[in-house]
Amino acid sequence: MAFLRRKLLCAIAGAVVATAATSAVMAQTANSSGEVRRVDAATGKIAIKHGAISALDLPAMTLVYQAAPNLLEGVKAGDKVSFTAKRENDSYVVTELKK
């Protein structure tokens, strides 16, 4: 009986940890929109002026994001964009970008 109780407690604890980890990852991704200020496709960087992004704990600002060069094709300063961004370590990365 004690063995089953321990096994059940371990399973519940594992589920709680997995749920918390999933929530933390999901909380680190957000959708927003803004205006492109600068684009440097060669280095994979884009500066976007946007409103507050609460899911990423960002106030309204202009921020330089990392982005795959193919996402930046045809994007120029002044474009209005919608984007999805995520936090990776100490950087912010645009994973989707639409004009």
N, C-alpha and C. Protein backbone atom coordinates (compact mmCIF):
# COMPACT_ATOMS: atom_id res chain seq x y z
N MET A 1 0.82 -1.19 0.00
CA MET A 1 0.00 0.00 0.00
C MET A 1 0.87 1.26 0.00
N ALA A 2 1.92 1.28 0.83
CA ALA A 2 2.81 2.44 0.90
C ALA A 2 3.51 2.64 -0.44
N PHE A 3 3.86 1.54 -1.10
CA PHE A 3 4.51 1.63 -2.41
C PHE A 3 3.60 2.32 -3.41
N LEU A 4 2.34 1.94 -3.45
CA LEU A 4 1.38 2.56 -4.37
C LEU A 4 1.16 4.04 -4.05
N ARG A 5 1.12 4.35 -2.76
CA ARG A 5 0.93 5.75 -2.36
C ARG A 5 2.12 6.60 -2.84
N ARG A 6 3.35 6.08 -2.64
CA ARG A 6 4.53 6.81 -3.10
C ARG A 6 4.54 6.97 -4.61
N LYS A 7 4.16 5.92 -5.32
CA LYS A 7 4.12 5.96 -6.78
C LYS A 7 3.11 6.99 -7.26
N LEU A 8 1.94 7.04 -6.61
CA LEU A 8 0.91 8.01 -6.97
C LEU A 8 1.39 9.43 -6.69
N LEU A 9 2.02 9.65 -5.53
CA LEU A 9 2.53 10.97 -5.20
C LEU A 9 3.61 11.42 -6.19
N CYS A 10 4.46 10.51 -6.60
CA CYS A 10 5.49 10.85 -7.59
C CYS A 10 4.85 11.21 -8.93
N ALA A 11 3.83 10.49 -9.33
CA ALA A 11 3.15 10.79 -10.59
C ALA A 11 2.48 12.15 -10.53
N ILE A 12 1.84 12.47 -9.41
CA ILE A 12 1.17 13.77 -9.26
C ILE A 12 2.21 14.88 -9.26
N ALA A 13 3.31 14.70 -8.54
CA ALA A 13 4.37 15.72 -8.51
C ALA A 13 4.95 15.94 -9.90
N GLY A 14 5.15 14.88 -10.64
CA GLY A 14 5.67 15.00 -12.01
C GLY A 14 4.71 15.77 -12.90
N ALA A 15 3.42 15.52 -12.76
CA ALA A 15 2.42 16.23 -13.56
C ALA A 15 2.40 17.71 -13.21
N VAL A 16 2.53 18.03 -11.94
CA VAL A 16 2.53 19.44 -11.51
C VAL A 16 3.75 20.16 -12.07
N VAL A 17 4.91 19.53 -12.00
CA VAL A 17 6.14 20.13 -12.53
C VAL A 17 6.03 20.32 -14.04
N ALA A 18 5.53 19.33 -14.75
CA ALA A 18 5.39 19.43 -16.21
C ALA A 18 4.42 20.54 -16.58
N THR A 19 3.33 20.67 -15.85
CA THR A 19 2.36 21.74 -16.12
C THR A 19 2.97 23.10 -15.86
N ALA A 20 3.71 23.24 -14.79
CA ALA A 20 4.35 24.52 -14.47
C ALA A 20 5.39 24.88 -15.52
N ALA A 21 6.17 23.90 -15.97
CA ALA A 21 7.18 24.16 -16.99
C ALA A 21 6.53 24.56 -18.31
N THR A 22 5.44 23.89 -18.68
CA THR A 22 4.72 24.23 -19.90
C THR A 22 4.15 25.63 -19.81
N SER A 23 3.58 25.99 -18.68
CA SER A 23 3.03 27.34 -18.50
C SER A 23 4.12 28.39 -18.58
N ALA A 24 5.28 28.12 -18.02
CA ALA A 24 6.38 29.08 -18.06
C ALA A 24 6.85 29.29 -19.50
N VAL A 25 6.93 28.22 -20.28
CA VAL A 25 7.34 28.34 -21.68
C VAL A 25 6.30 29.11 -22.46
N MET A 26 5.03 28.79 -22.25
CA MET A 26 3.97 29.47 -22.97
C MET A 26 3.93 30.95 -22.60
N ALA A 27 4.23 31.29 -21.38
CA ALA A 27 4.20 32.68 -20.94
C ALA A 27 5.34 33.47 -21.54
N GLN A 28 6.31 32.81 -22.12
CA GLN A 28 7.46 33.49 -22.69
C GLN A 28 7.28 33.77 -24.19
N THR A 29 6.09 33.57 -24.72
CA THR A 29 5.78 33.84 -26.12
C THR A 29 4.58 34.77 -26.19
N ALA A 30 4.62 35.74 -27.10
CA ALA A 30 3.51 36.68 -27.19
C ALA A 30 3.35 37.21 -28.61
N ASN A 31 2.13 37.62 -28.93
CA ASN A 31 1.83 38.27 -30.20
C ASN A 31 1.71 39.77 -29.95
N SER A 32 2.15 40.56 -30.92
CA SER A 32 2.05 42.00 -30.80
C SER A 32 2.08 42.61 -32.19
N SER A 33 2.05 43.93 -32.23
CA SER A 33 2.18 44.64 -33.50
C SER A 33 2.97 45.91 -33.23
N GLY A 34 3.51 46.47 -34.30
CA GLY A 34 4.29 47.68 -34.13
C GLY A 34 4.79 48.21 -35.45
N GLU A 35 5.73 49.14 -35.35
CA GLU A 35 6.32 49.77 -36.53
C GLU A 35 7.81 49.45 -36.59
N VAL A 36 8.24 49.00 -37.74
CA VAL A 36 9.65 48.68 -37.94
C VAL A 36 10.46 49.97 -37.98
N ARG A 37 11.53 50.02 -37.21
CA ARG A 37 12.43 51.18 -37.19
C ARG A 37 13.70 50.92 -37.99
N ARG A 38 14.26 49.71 -37.87
CA ARG A 38 15.48 49.34 -38.59
C ARG A 38 15.43 47.85 -38.90
N VAL A 39 16.09 47.48 -40.00
CA VAL A 39 16.22 46.07 -40.37
C VAL A 39 17.66 45.83 -40.79
N ASP A 40 18.26 44.77 -40.27
CA ASP A 40 19.59 44.35 -40.69
C ASP A 40 19.52 42.85 -40.95
N ALA A 41 19.14 42.50 -42.17
CA ALA A 41 18.97 41.09 -42.52
C ALA A 41 20.29 40.33 -42.42
N ALA A 42 21.40 41.00 -42.68
CA ALA A 42 22.71 40.33 -42.65
C ALA A 42 23.03 39.79 -41.26
N THR A 43 22.62 40.53 -40.23
CA THR A 43 22.89 40.07 -38.85
C THR A 43 21.65 39.46 -38.20
N GLY A 44 20.52 39.44 -38.93
CA GLY A 44 19.30 38.86 -38.39
C GLY A 44 18.71 39.68 -37.26
N LYS A 45 18.68 41.01 -37.43
CA LYS A 45 18.14 41.88 -36.38
C LYS A 45 17.09 42.82 -36.97
N ILE A 46 16.06 43.09 -36.15
CA ILE A 46 15.02 44.03 -36.52
C ILE A 46 14.63 44.83 -35.28
N ALA A 47 14.53 46.14 -35.43
CA ALA A 47 14.09 47.01 -34.34
C ALA A 47 12.62 47.35 -34.58
N ILE A 48 11.79 47.07 -33.59
CA ILE A 48 10.34 47.31 -33.71
C ILE A 48 9.89 48.18 -32.54
N LYS A 49 9.17 49.26 -32.88
CA LYS A 49 8.54 50.10 -31.86
C LYS A 49 7.15 49.50 -31.61
N HIS A 50 6.89 49.12 -30.35
CA HIS A 50 5.63 48.44 -30.04
C HIS A 50 5.08 48.93 -28.70
N GLY A 51 3.82 48.61 -28.45
CA GLY A 51 3.21 48.89 -27.16
C GLY A 51 3.68 47.88 -26.14
N ALA A 52 3.13 47.98 -24.94
CA ALA A 52 3.50 47.05 -23.87
C ALA A 52 3.14 45.61 -24.28
N ILE A 53 4.02 44.69 -23.95
CA ILE A 53 3.79 43.25 -24.18
C ILE A 53 3.87 42.59 -22.81
N SER A 54 2.73 42.48 -22.15
CA SER A 54 2.71 42.01 -20.77
C SER A 54 3.18 40.56 -20.62
N ALA A 55 2.91 39.72 -21.59
CA ALA A 55 3.33 38.32 -21.50
C ALA A 55 4.85 38.17 -21.47
N LEU A 56 5.56 39.17 -21.98
CA LEU A 56 7.03 39.15 -21.96
C LEU A 56 7.59 40.17 -20.97
N ASP A 57 6.72 40.78 -20.19
CA ASP A 57 7.11 41.80 -19.21
C ASP A 57 7.86 42.97 -19.87
N LEU A 58 7.39 43.38 -21.05
CA LEU A 58 8.02 44.48 -21.76
C LEU A 58 7.11 45.70 -21.75
N PRO A 59 7.63 46.87 -21.38
CA PRO A 59 6.85 48.10 -21.50
C PRO A 59 6.82 48.54 -22.97
N ALA A 60 6.05 49.55 -23.29
CA ALA A 60 6.07 50.13 -24.64
C ALA A 60 7.48 50.64 -24.89
N MET A 61 8.06 50.30 -26.04
CA MET A 61 9.45 50.67 -26.34
C MET A 61 9.79 50.33 -27.77
N THR A 62 10.99 50.69 -28.15
CA THR A 62 11.59 50.19 -29.38
C THR A 62 12.65 49.19 -28.94
N LEU A 63 12.53 47.96 -29.45
CA LEU A 63 13.42 46.89 -29.03
C LEU A 63 14.02 46.21 -30.25
N VAL A 64 15.28 45.84 -30.16
CA VAL A 64 15.94 45.09 -31.23
C VAL A 64 15.74 43.61 -30.95
N TYR A 65 15.14 42.93 -31.90
CA TYR A 65 14.86 41.50 -31.82
C TYR A 65 15.79 40.75 -32.77
N GLN A 66 16.09 39.51 -32.43
CA GLN A 66 16.76 38.60 -33.35
C GLN A 66 15.66 38.02 -34.25
N ALA A 67 16.02 37.69 -35.49
CA ALA A 67 15.05 37.08 -36.41
C ALA A 67 15.81 36.34 -37.50
N ALA A 68 15.20 35.28 -37.99
CA ALA A 68 15.79 34.56 -39.11
C ALA A 68 15.80 35.49 -40.33
N PRO A 69 16.91 35.54 -41.07
CA PRO A 69 16.99 36.45 -42.22
C PRO A 69 15.84 36.30 -43.21
N ASN A 70 15.33 35.09 -43.40
CA ASN A 70 14.22 34.91 -44.36
C ASN A 70 12.94 35.61 -43.89
N LEU A 71 12.76 35.80 -42.58
CA LEU A 71 11.59 36.53 -42.08
C LEU A 71 11.69 38.01 -42.42
N LEU A 72 12.89 38.51 -42.61
CA LEU A 72 13.11 39.93 -42.81
C LEU A 72 13.08 40.36 -44.27
N GLU A 73 12.94 39.40 -45.19
CA GLU A 73 12.91 39.71 -46.62
C GLU A 73 11.72 40.61 -46.92
N GLY A 74 11.98 41.71 -47.59
CA GLY A 74 10.93 42.62 -48.01
C GLY A 74 10.41 43.54 -46.92
N VAL A 75 10.99 43.47 -45.73
CA VAL A 75 10.57 44.33 -44.62
C VAL A 75 11.51 45.52 -44.56
N LYS A 76 10.93 46.71 -44.38
CA LYS A 76 11.76 47.92 -44.33
C LYS A 76 11.27 48.85 -43.23
N ALA A 77 12.10 49.81 -42.88
CA ALA A 77 11.74 50.80 -41.86
C ALA A 77 10.44 51.49 -42.27
N GLY A 78 9.56 51.67 -41.29
CA GLY A 78 8.28 52.31 -41.52
C GLY A 78 7.13 51.34 -41.72
N ASP A 79 7.43 50.06 -42.02
CA ASP A 79 6.38 49.06 -42.20
C ASP A 79 5.65 48.81 -40.88
N LYS A 80 4.33 48.67 -40.95
CA LYS A 80 3.52 48.24 -39.81
C LYS A 80 3.48 46.72 -39.86
N VAL A 81 3.81 46.07 -38.74
CA VAL A 81 3.89 44.61 -38.73
C VAL A 81 3.15 44.02 -37.52
N SER A 82 2.72 42.79 -37.69
CA SER A 82 2.25 41.94 -36.60
C SER A 82 3.33 40.89 -36.42
N PHE A 83 3.61 40.53 -35.16
CA PHE A 83 4.68 39.56 -34.96
C PHE A 83 4.44 38.72 -33.71
N THR A 84 5.10 37.59 -33.69
CA THR A 84 5.15 36.72 -32.52
C THR A 84 6.59 36.72 -32.06
N ALA A 85 6.78 36.95 -30.78
CA ALA A 85 8.13 36.99 -30.22
C ALA A 85 8.22 36.07 -29.02
N LYS A 86 9.42 35.62 -28.75
CA LYS A 86 9.65 34.80 -27.56
C LYS A 86 10.94 35.25 -26.90
N ARG A 87 11.02 34.94 -25.62
CA ARG A 87 12.23 35.24 -24.86
C ARG A 87 13.09 33.97 -24.86
N GLU A 88 14.35 34.13 -25.24
CA GLU A 88 15.32 33.04 -25.20
C GLU A 88 16.52 33.54 -24.42
N ASN A 89 16.68 33.01 -23.22
CA ASN A 89 17.75 33.46 -22.33
C ASN A 89 17.62 34.96 -22.12
N ASP A 90 18.59 35.75 -22.53
CA ASP A 90 18.53 37.19 -22.34
C ASP A 90 18.19 37.93 -23.64
N SER A 91 17.69 37.22 -24.63
CA SER A 91 17.36 37.83 -25.92
C SER A 91 15.89 37.64 -26.23
N TYR A 92 15.41 38.45 -27.17
CA TYR A 92 14.05 38.32 -27.68
C TYR A 92 14.15 37.99 -29.16
N VAL A 93 13.34 37.02 -29.59
CA VAL A 93 13.42 36.51 -30.95
C VAL A 93 12.05 36.59 -31.60
N VAL A 94 11.99 37.15 -32.81
CA VAL A 94 10.77 37.16 -33.59
C VAL A 94 10.69 35.82 -34.31
N THR A 95 9.58 35.10 -34.09
CA THR A 95 9.40 33.79 -34.73
C THR A 95 8.42 33.84 -35.90
N GLU A 96 7.56 34.86 -35.92
CA GLU A 96 6.63 35.07 -37.03
C GLU A 96 6.53 36.57 -37.27
N LEU A 97 6.40 36.96 -38.54
CA LEU A 97 6.34 38.38 -38.87
C LEU A 97 5.47 38.55 -40.11
N LYS A 98 4.48 39.44 -40.01
CA LYS A 98 3.58 39.72 -41.15
C LYS A 98 3.41 41.21 -41.32
N LYS A 99 3.44 41.66 -42.58
CA LYS A 99 3.20 43.07 -42.87
C LYS A 99 1.72 43.32 -42.98
